[in-house]
Amino acid sequence: MTMRIIHAVSFALLVSGANAFAGASADSAPKDEAKPPVTVKVESLDPVDVGATKGDPRANFGMVNLKAGTCYAFAPPAGATVEVGESYTVIPSRDIDDDIRAKLAADYPKCAIVDVVGRSVRPPVQHSE
């Protein structure tokens, strides 16, 4: 009888702790953070500078697959260092100045602004949007 009570209390504590953790992480996470990483094969790369001052390193982006159906603005520093023919894992970029983000959105409205996580050895995953 004592073992059942101990197991029941342990299980109840485990479940309530898991629920509290899940609720806290769901409340603290931004809404767009749930997007999974995407693998992008670089077919073309066009460097662009969208800064107010020429040569601003925070505003040097690599526009990947610009003429394709889905393009990506690879944020610095990886924007200039990716190679055509290689695949990269990317996530939505959050650390972009608001003025730069607005200029990119105006000039390249179909390009998602992303950060490069790293070179990918897996084949690209096709996402429909």
N, C-alpha and C. Protein backbone atom coordinates (compact mmCIF):
# COMPACT_ATOMS: atom_id res chain seq x y z
N MET A 1 0.83 -1.19 0.00
CA MET A 1 0.00 0.00 0.00
C MET A 1 0.87 1.26 0.00
N THR A 2 1.93 1.28 0.80
CA THR A 2 2.81 2.44 0.87
C THR A 2 3.50 2.68 -0.46
N MET A 3 3.89 1.61 -1.17
CA MET A 3 4.54 1.76 -2.47
C MET A 3 3.61 2.42 -3.48
N ARG A 4 2.34 2.08 -3.47
CA ARG A 4 1.38 2.67 -4.40
C ARG A 4 1.24 4.16 -4.16
N ILE A 5 1.21 4.55 -2.91
CA ILE A 5 1.09 5.98 -2.58
C ILE A 5 2.33 6.72 -3.05
N ILE A 6 3.51 6.16 -2.80
CA ILE A 6 4.76 6.80 -3.22
C ILE A 6 4.80 6.93 -4.74
N HIS A 7 4.44 5.87 -5.46
CA HIS A 7 4.43 5.93 -6.92
C HIS A 7 3.39 6.94 -7.42
N ALA A 8 2.23 6.97 -6.79
CA ALA A 8 1.18 7.90 -7.21
C ALA A 8 1.62 9.34 -6.99
N VAL A 9 2.22 9.62 -5.85
CA VAL A 9 2.71 10.98 -5.57
C VAL A 9 3.84 11.35 -6.52
N SER A 10 4.76 10.45 -6.77
CA SER A 10 5.86 10.71 -7.70
C SER A 10 5.33 11.00 -9.10
N PHE A 11 4.37 10.21 -9.53
CA PHE A 11 3.80 10.40 -10.86
C PHE A 11 3.07 11.74 -10.95
N ALA A 12 2.33 12.09 -9.91
CA ALA A 12 1.59 13.36 -9.89
C ALA A 12 2.56 14.54 -9.95
N LEU A 13 3.65 14.45 -9.20
CA LEU A 13 4.66 15.52 -9.23
C LEU A 13 5.32 15.63 -10.60
N LEU A 14 5.60 14.50 -11.22
CA LEU A 14 6.21 14.49 -12.54
C LEU A 14 5.29 15.13 -13.57
N VAL A 15 4.02 14.76 -13.54
CA VAL A 15 3.04 15.31 -14.50
C VAL A 15 2.85 16.80 -14.28
N SER A 16 2.71 17.24 -13.02
CA SER A 16 2.50 18.66 -12.78
C SER A 16 3.74 19.47 -13.15
N GLY A 17 4.93 18.92 -12.89
CA GLY A 17 6.16 19.61 -13.29
C GLY A 17 6.28 19.73 -14.79
N ALA A 18 5.93 18.68 -15.53
CA ALA A 18 5.98 18.71 -16.99
C ALA A 18 4.98 19.71 -17.54
N ASN A 19 3.78 19.75 -16.97
CA ASN A 19 2.77 20.71 -17.43
C ASN A 19 3.21 22.14 -17.16
N ALA A 20 3.79 22.40 -16.01
CA ALA A 20 4.27 23.74 -15.68
C ALA A 20 5.38 24.16 -16.63
N PHE A 21 6.32 23.24 -16.90
CA PHE A 21 7.42 23.54 -17.81
C PHE A 21 6.90 23.81 -19.22
N ALA A 22 5.98 22.98 -19.69
CA ALA A 22 5.43 23.16 -21.04
C ALA A 22 4.69 24.48 -21.15
N GLY A 23 3.93 24.83 -20.12
CA GLY A 23 3.19 26.09 -20.14
C GLY A 23 4.12 27.28 -20.12
N ALA A 24 5.18 27.22 -19.34
CA ALA A 24 6.12 28.34 -19.26
C ALA A 24 6.87 28.52 -20.57
N SER A 25 7.30 27.42 -21.18
CA SER A 25 8.05 27.56 -22.42
C SER A 25 7.15 28.01 -23.56
N ALA A 26 5.89 27.58 -23.57
CA ALA A 26 4.97 28.01 -24.62
C ALA A 26 4.64 29.49 -24.49
N ASP A 27 4.50 29.97 -23.24
CA ASP A 27 4.18 31.37 -23.03
C ASP A 27 5.35 32.29 -23.34
N SER A 28 6.58 31.84 -23.08
CA SER A 28 7.74 32.70 -23.26
C SER A 28 8.27 32.68 -24.68
N ALA A 29 7.88 31.73 -25.52
CA ALA A 29 8.40 31.63 -26.88
C ALA A 29 7.63 32.54 -27.82
N PRO A 30 8.32 33.28 -28.69
CA PRO A 30 7.63 34.09 -29.69
C PRO A 30 6.83 33.19 -30.62
N LYS A 31 5.80 33.74 -31.21
CA LYS A 31 4.91 32.95 -32.07
C LYS A 31 5.62 32.37 -33.29
N ASP A 32 6.58 33.09 -33.89
CA ASP A 32 7.24 32.60 -35.10
C ASP A 32 8.44 31.71 -34.80
N GLU A 33 8.71 31.44 -33.53
CA GLU A 33 9.87 30.64 -33.17
C GLU A 33 9.65 29.15 -33.46
N ALA A 34 8.42 28.74 -33.64
CA ALA A 34 8.13 27.32 -33.83
C ALA A 34 8.49 26.82 -35.22
N LYS A 35 8.89 27.69 -36.13
CA LYS A 35 9.22 27.27 -37.48
C LYS A 35 10.48 26.41 -37.46
N PRO A 36 10.45 25.29 -38.16
CA PRO A 36 11.62 24.42 -38.17
C PRO A 36 12.72 24.98 -39.06
N PRO A 37 13.95 24.54 -38.85
CA PRO A 37 15.01 24.94 -39.78
C PRO A 37 14.70 24.43 -41.18
N VAL A 38 15.18 25.15 -42.17
CA VAL A 38 14.97 24.80 -43.57
C VAL A 38 16.33 24.59 -44.20
N THR A 39 16.44 23.61 -45.09
CA THR A 39 17.67 23.39 -45.83
C THR A 39 17.51 24.01 -47.21
N VAL A 40 18.45 24.87 -47.58
CA VAL A 40 18.39 25.59 -48.84
C VAL A 40 19.62 25.25 -49.68
N LYS A 41 19.39 24.81 -50.90
CA LYS A 41 20.51 24.60 -51.83
C LYS A 41 20.72 25.91 -52.59
N VAL A 42 21.93 26.42 -52.54
CA VAL A 42 22.25 27.70 -53.18
C VAL A 42 22.47 27.47 -54.66
N GLU A 43 21.51 27.92 -55.47
CA GLU A 43 21.62 27.84 -56.92
C GLU A 43 22.24 29.11 -57.49
N SER A 44 21.95 30.24 -56.83
CA SER A 44 22.54 31.52 -57.25
C SER A 44 22.73 32.38 -56.01
N LEU A 45 23.70 33.27 -56.08
CA LEU A 45 24.02 34.15 -54.96
C LEU A 45 24.33 35.54 -55.49
N ASP A 46 23.54 36.52 -55.05
CA ASP A 46 23.74 37.90 -55.44
C ASP A 46 23.99 38.74 -54.19
N PRO A 47 25.20 39.30 -54.03
CA PRO A 47 25.43 40.14 -52.86
C PRO A 47 24.71 41.48 -53.00
N VAL A 48 24.09 41.93 -51.92
CA VAL A 48 23.41 43.24 -51.91
C VAL A 48 23.80 43.98 -50.64
N ASP A 49 23.80 45.30 -50.74
CA ASP A 49 24.09 46.17 -49.61
C ASP A 49 22.86 47.05 -49.43
N VAL A 50 22.15 46.89 -48.30
CA VAL A 50 20.94 47.66 -48.07
C VAL A 50 21.10 48.65 -46.93
N GLY A 51 22.32 48.94 -46.56
CA GLY A 51 22.56 49.86 -45.45
C GLY A 51 22.43 51.31 -45.86
N ALA A 52 22.19 52.16 -44.87
CA ALA A 52 22.12 53.60 -45.10
C ALA A 52 23.52 54.14 -45.43
N THR A 53 24.55 53.50 -44.88
CA THR A 53 25.93 53.87 -45.15
C THR A 53 26.58 52.77 -45.97
N LYS A 54 27.23 53.13 -47.04
CA LYS A 54 27.86 52.13 -47.90
C LYS A 54 28.93 51.37 -47.11
N GLY A 55 28.89 50.05 -47.25
CA GLY A 55 29.88 49.22 -46.59
C GLY A 55 29.53 48.82 -45.16
N ASP A 56 28.34 49.14 -44.69
CA ASP A 56 27.92 48.74 -43.34
C ASP A 56 27.88 47.21 -43.29
N PRO A 57 28.72 46.57 -42.48
CA PRO A 57 28.78 45.11 -42.47
C PRO A 57 27.48 44.44 -42.02
N ARG A 58 26.65 45.15 -41.26
CA ARG A 58 25.37 44.58 -40.83
C ARG A 58 24.35 44.54 -41.96
N ALA A 59 24.65 45.21 -43.08
CA ALA A 59 23.69 45.33 -44.16
C ALA A 59 24.13 44.63 -45.44
N ASN A 60 25.15 43.79 -45.37
CA ASN A 60 25.61 43.02 -46.53
C ASN A 60 24.94 41.66 -46.52
N PHE A 61 24.00 41.48 -47.41
CA PHE A 61 23.24 40.23 -47.47
C PHE A 61 23.59 39.47 -48.73
N GLY A 62 23.44 38.17 -48.65
CA GLY A 62 23.56 37.33 -49.83
C GLY A 62 22.15 36.93 -50.24
N MET A 63 21.72 37.38 -51.40
CA MET A 63 20.39 37.03 -51.89
C MET A 63 20.52 35.71 -52.63
N VAL A 64 19.94 34.67 -52.06
CA VAL A 64 20.08 33.31 -52.57
C VAL A 64 18.84 32.94 -53.35
N ASN A 65 19.08 32.41 -54.57
CA ASN A 65 18.00 31.93 -55.44
C ASN A 65 16.97 33.04 -55.72
N LEU A 66 17.48 34.22 -55.99
CA LEU A 66 16.64 35.40 -56.17
C LEU A 66 15.64 35.24 -57.30
N LYS A 67 16.02 34.60 -58.38
CA LYS A 67 15.13 34.46 -59.53
C LYS A 67 14.26 33.21 -59.44
N ALA A 68 14.46 32.40 -58.41
CA ALA A 68 13.65 31.19 -58.21
C ALA A 68 12.34 31.57 -57.52
N GLY A 69 11.46 30.60 -57.35
CA GLY A 69 10.17 30.85 -56.73
C GLY A 69 10.29 31.31 -55.28
N THR A 70 11.23 30.74 -54.54
CA THR A 70 11.45 31.11 -53.14
C THR A 70 12.88 31.57 -52.99
N CYS A 71 13.06 32.78 -52.48
CA CYS A 71 14.43 33.26 -52.28
C CYS A 71 14.65 33.56 -50.80
N TYR A 72 15.92 33.67 -50.46
CA TYR A 72 16.31 33.91 -49.08
C TYR A 72 17.35 35.01 -49.03
N ALA A 73 17.24 35.86 -48.02
CA ALA A 73 18.25 36.87 -47.75
C ALA A 73 19.10 36.32 -46.61
N PHE A 74 20.28 35.81 -46.95
CA PHE A 74 21.19 35.27 -45.94
C PHE A 74 21.82 36.44 -45.22
N ALA A 75 21.56 36.54 -43.93
CA ALA A 75 22.05 37.65 -43.12
C ALA A 75 23.56 37.54 -42.88
N PRO A 76 24.22 38.68 -42.66
CA PRO A 76 25.63 38.66 -42.33
C PRO A 76 25.86 37.94 -41.01
N PRO A 77 27.00 37.34 -40.80
CA PRO A 77 28.18 37.34 -41.64
C PRO A 77 28.17 36.26 -42.72
N ALA A 78 27.28 35.29 -42.65
CA ALA A 78 27.32 34.17 -43.60
C ALA A 78 26.84 34.56 -44.99
N GLY A 79 26.15 35.68 -45.12
CA GLY A 79 25.60 36.08 -46.40
C GLY A 79 26.62 36.15 -47.52
N ALA A 80 27.81 36.56 -47.20
CA ALA A 80 28.84 36.70 -48.23
C ALA A 80 29.75 35.48 -48.33
N THR A 81 29.60 34.53 -47.43
CA THR A 81 30.55 33.42 -47.41
C THR A 81 29.97 32.08 -47.85
N VAL A 82 28.73 32.04 -48.26
CA VAL A 82 28.16 30.78 -48.73
C VAL A 82 28.63 30.52 -50.16
N GLU A 83 28.55 29.25 -50.56
CA GLU A 83 29.03 28.88 -51.88
C GLU A 83 27.89 28.33 -52.73
N VAL A 84 27.89 28.70 -53.99
CA VAL A 84 26.90 28.18 -54.94
C VAL A 84 27.12 26.68 -55.09
N GLY A 85 26.01 25.95 -55.11
CA GLY A 85 26.07 24.50 -55.24
C GLY A 85 26.03 23.77 -53.91
N GLU A 86 26.20 24.47 -52.81
CA GLU A 86 26.17 23.86 -51.48
C GLU A 86 24.80 24.08 -50.84
N SER A 87 24.47 23.25 -49.86
CA SER A 87 23.22 23.38 -49.11
C SER A 87 23.53 23.87 -47.70
N TYR A 88 22.63 24.71 -47.19
CA TYR A 88 22.79 25.29 -45.86
C TYR A 88 21.49 25.19 -45.08
N THR A 89 21.62 24.97 -43.78
CA THR A 89 20.47 24.97 -42.90
C THR A 89 20.29 26.39 -42.39
N VAL A 90 19.05 26.90 -42.49
CA VAL A 90 18.77 28.28 -42.11
C VAL A 90 17.58 28.33 -41.16
N ILE A 91 17.54 29.40 -40.37
CA ILE A 91 16.42 29.68 -39.48
C ILE A 91 16.03 31.15 -39.66
N PRO A 92 14.80 31.53 -39.30
CA PRO A 92 14.41 32.94 -39.42
C PRO A 92 15.34 33.83 -38.60
N SER A 93 15.74 34.94 -39.18
CA SER A 93 16.65 35.86 -38.51
C SER A 93 15.88 36.82 -37.61
N ARG A 94 16.40 37.05 -36.42
CA ARG A 94 15.75 37.96 -35.48
C ARG A 94 16.61 39.18 -35.16
N ASP A 95 17.90 39.09 -35.42
CA ASP A 95 18.81 40.14 -34.99
C ASP A 95 19.16 41.08 -36.16
N ILE A 96 18.13 41.62 -36.79
CA ILE A 96 18.33 42.54 -37.91
C ILE A 96 17.74 43.89 -37.53
N ASP A 97 18.49 44.95 -37.78
CA ASP A 97 18.03 46.30 -37.52
C ASP A 97 16.70 46.56 -38.24
N ASP A 98 15.77 47.24 -37.59
CA ASP A 98 14.43 47.48 -38.16
C ASP A 98 14.48 48.22 -39.49
N ASP A 99 15.39 49.21 -39.63
CA ASP A 99 15.49 49.94 -40.89
C ASP A 99 15.98 49.04 -42.02
N ILE A 100 16.95 48.20 -41.73
CA ILE A 100 17.48 47.26 -42.72
C ILE A 100 16.41 46.24 -43.09
N ARG A 101 15.68 45.73 -42.10
CA ARG A 101 14.60 44.77 -42.36
C ARG A 101 13.53 45.40 -43.25
N ALA A 102 13.17 46.64 -42.98
CA ALA A 102 12.15 47.33 -43.79
C ALA A 102 12.63 47.54 -45.22
N LYS A 103 13.90 47.91 -45.40
CA LYS A 103 14.44 48.12 -46.74
C LYS A 103 14.47 46.80 -47.52
N LEU A 104 14.89 45.73 -46.86
CA LEU A 104 14.90 44.42 -47.52
C LEU A 104 13.49 44.00 -47.92
N ALA A 105 12.52 44.22 -47.03
CA ALA A 105 11.13 43.84 -47.32
C ALA A 105 10.58 44.65 -48.48
N ALA A 106 10.97 45.91 -48.58
CA ALA A 106 10.50 46.75 -49.69
C ALA A 106 11.16 46.36 -51.01
N ASP A 107 12.47 46.11 -50.99
CA ASP A 107 13.20 45.80 -52.22
C ASP A 107 13.04 44.34 -52.66
N TYR A 108 12.90 43.44 -51.70
CA TYR A 108 12.82 42.00 -51.98
C TYR A 108 11.68 41.38 -51.17
N PRO A 109 10.44 41.68 -51.51
CA PRO A 109 9.31 41.25 -50.67
C PRO A 109 9.12 39.74 -50.59
N LYS A 110 9.62 38.97 -51.54
CA LYS A 110 9.43 37.53 -51.52
C LYS A 110 10.58 36.78 -50.88
N CYS A 111 11.57 37.49 -50.36
CA CYS A 111 12.74 36.84 -49.79
C CYS A 111 12.66 36.82 -48.26
N ALA A 112 12.74 35.64 -47.69
CA ALA A 112 12.76 35.49 -46.24
C ALA A 112 14.16 35.83 -45.73
N ILE A 113 14.21 36.59 -44.64
CA ILE A 113 15.50 36.95 -44.03
C ILE A 113 15.87 35.85 -43.05
N VAL A 114 17.01 35.22 -43.28
CA VAL A 114 17.40 34.06 -42.48
C VAL A 114 18.84 34.16 -42.00
N ASP A 115 19.12 33.43 -40.94
CA ASP A 115 20.49 33.23 -40.45
C ASP A 115 20.92 31.83 -40.85
N VAL A 116 22.17 31.71 -41.25
CA VAL A 116 22.71 30.40 -41.61
C VAL A 116 23.19 29.71 -40.35
N VAL A 117 22.68 28.50 -40.12
CA VAL A 117 23.10 27.71 -38.98
C VAL A 117 24.38 26.96 -39.33
N GLY A 118 24.46 26.47 -40.55
CA GLY A 118 25.65 25.75 -40.97
C GLY A 118 25.44 25.07 -42.30
N ARG A 119 26.52 24.53 -42.84
CA ARG A 119 26.44 23.77 -44.09
C ARG A 119 25.72 22.47 -43.82
N SER A 120 24.88 22.08 -44.74
CA SER A 120 24.07 20.88 -44.57
C SER A 120 24.57 19.76 -45.47
N VAL A 121 24.56 18.56 -44.95
CA VAL A 121 24.93 17.41 -45.75
C VAL A 121 23.70 16.63 -46.19
N ARG A 122 22.53 17.03 -45.70
CA ARG A 122 21.29 16.39 -46.09
C ARG A 122 20.72 17.10 -47.31
N PRO A 123 19.96 16.39 -48.16
CA PRO A 123 19.37 17.04 -49.31
C PRO A 123 18.31 18.06 -48.88
N PRO A 124 18.08 19.12 -49.68
CA PRO A 124 17.11 20.15 -49.31
C PRO A 124 15.71 19.57 -49.17
N VAL A 125 14.96 20.12 -48.20
CA VAL A 125 13.56 19.74 -47.99
C VAL A 125 12.70 20.79 -48.67
N GLN A 126 11.78 20.34 -49.49
CA GLN A 126 10.90 21.28 -50.19
C GLN A 126 9.73 21.64 -49.29
N HIS A 127 9.51 22.96 -49.07
CA HIS A 127 8.39 23.45 -48.28
C HIS A 127 7.46 24.23 -49.19
N SER A 128 6.20 23.99 -49.08
CA SER A 128 5.24 24.78 -49.84
C SER A 128 4.71 25.89 -48.97
N GLU A 129 4.56 27.06 -49.55
CA GLU A 129 4.10 28.21 -48.76
C GLU A 129 2.88 28.80 -49.40
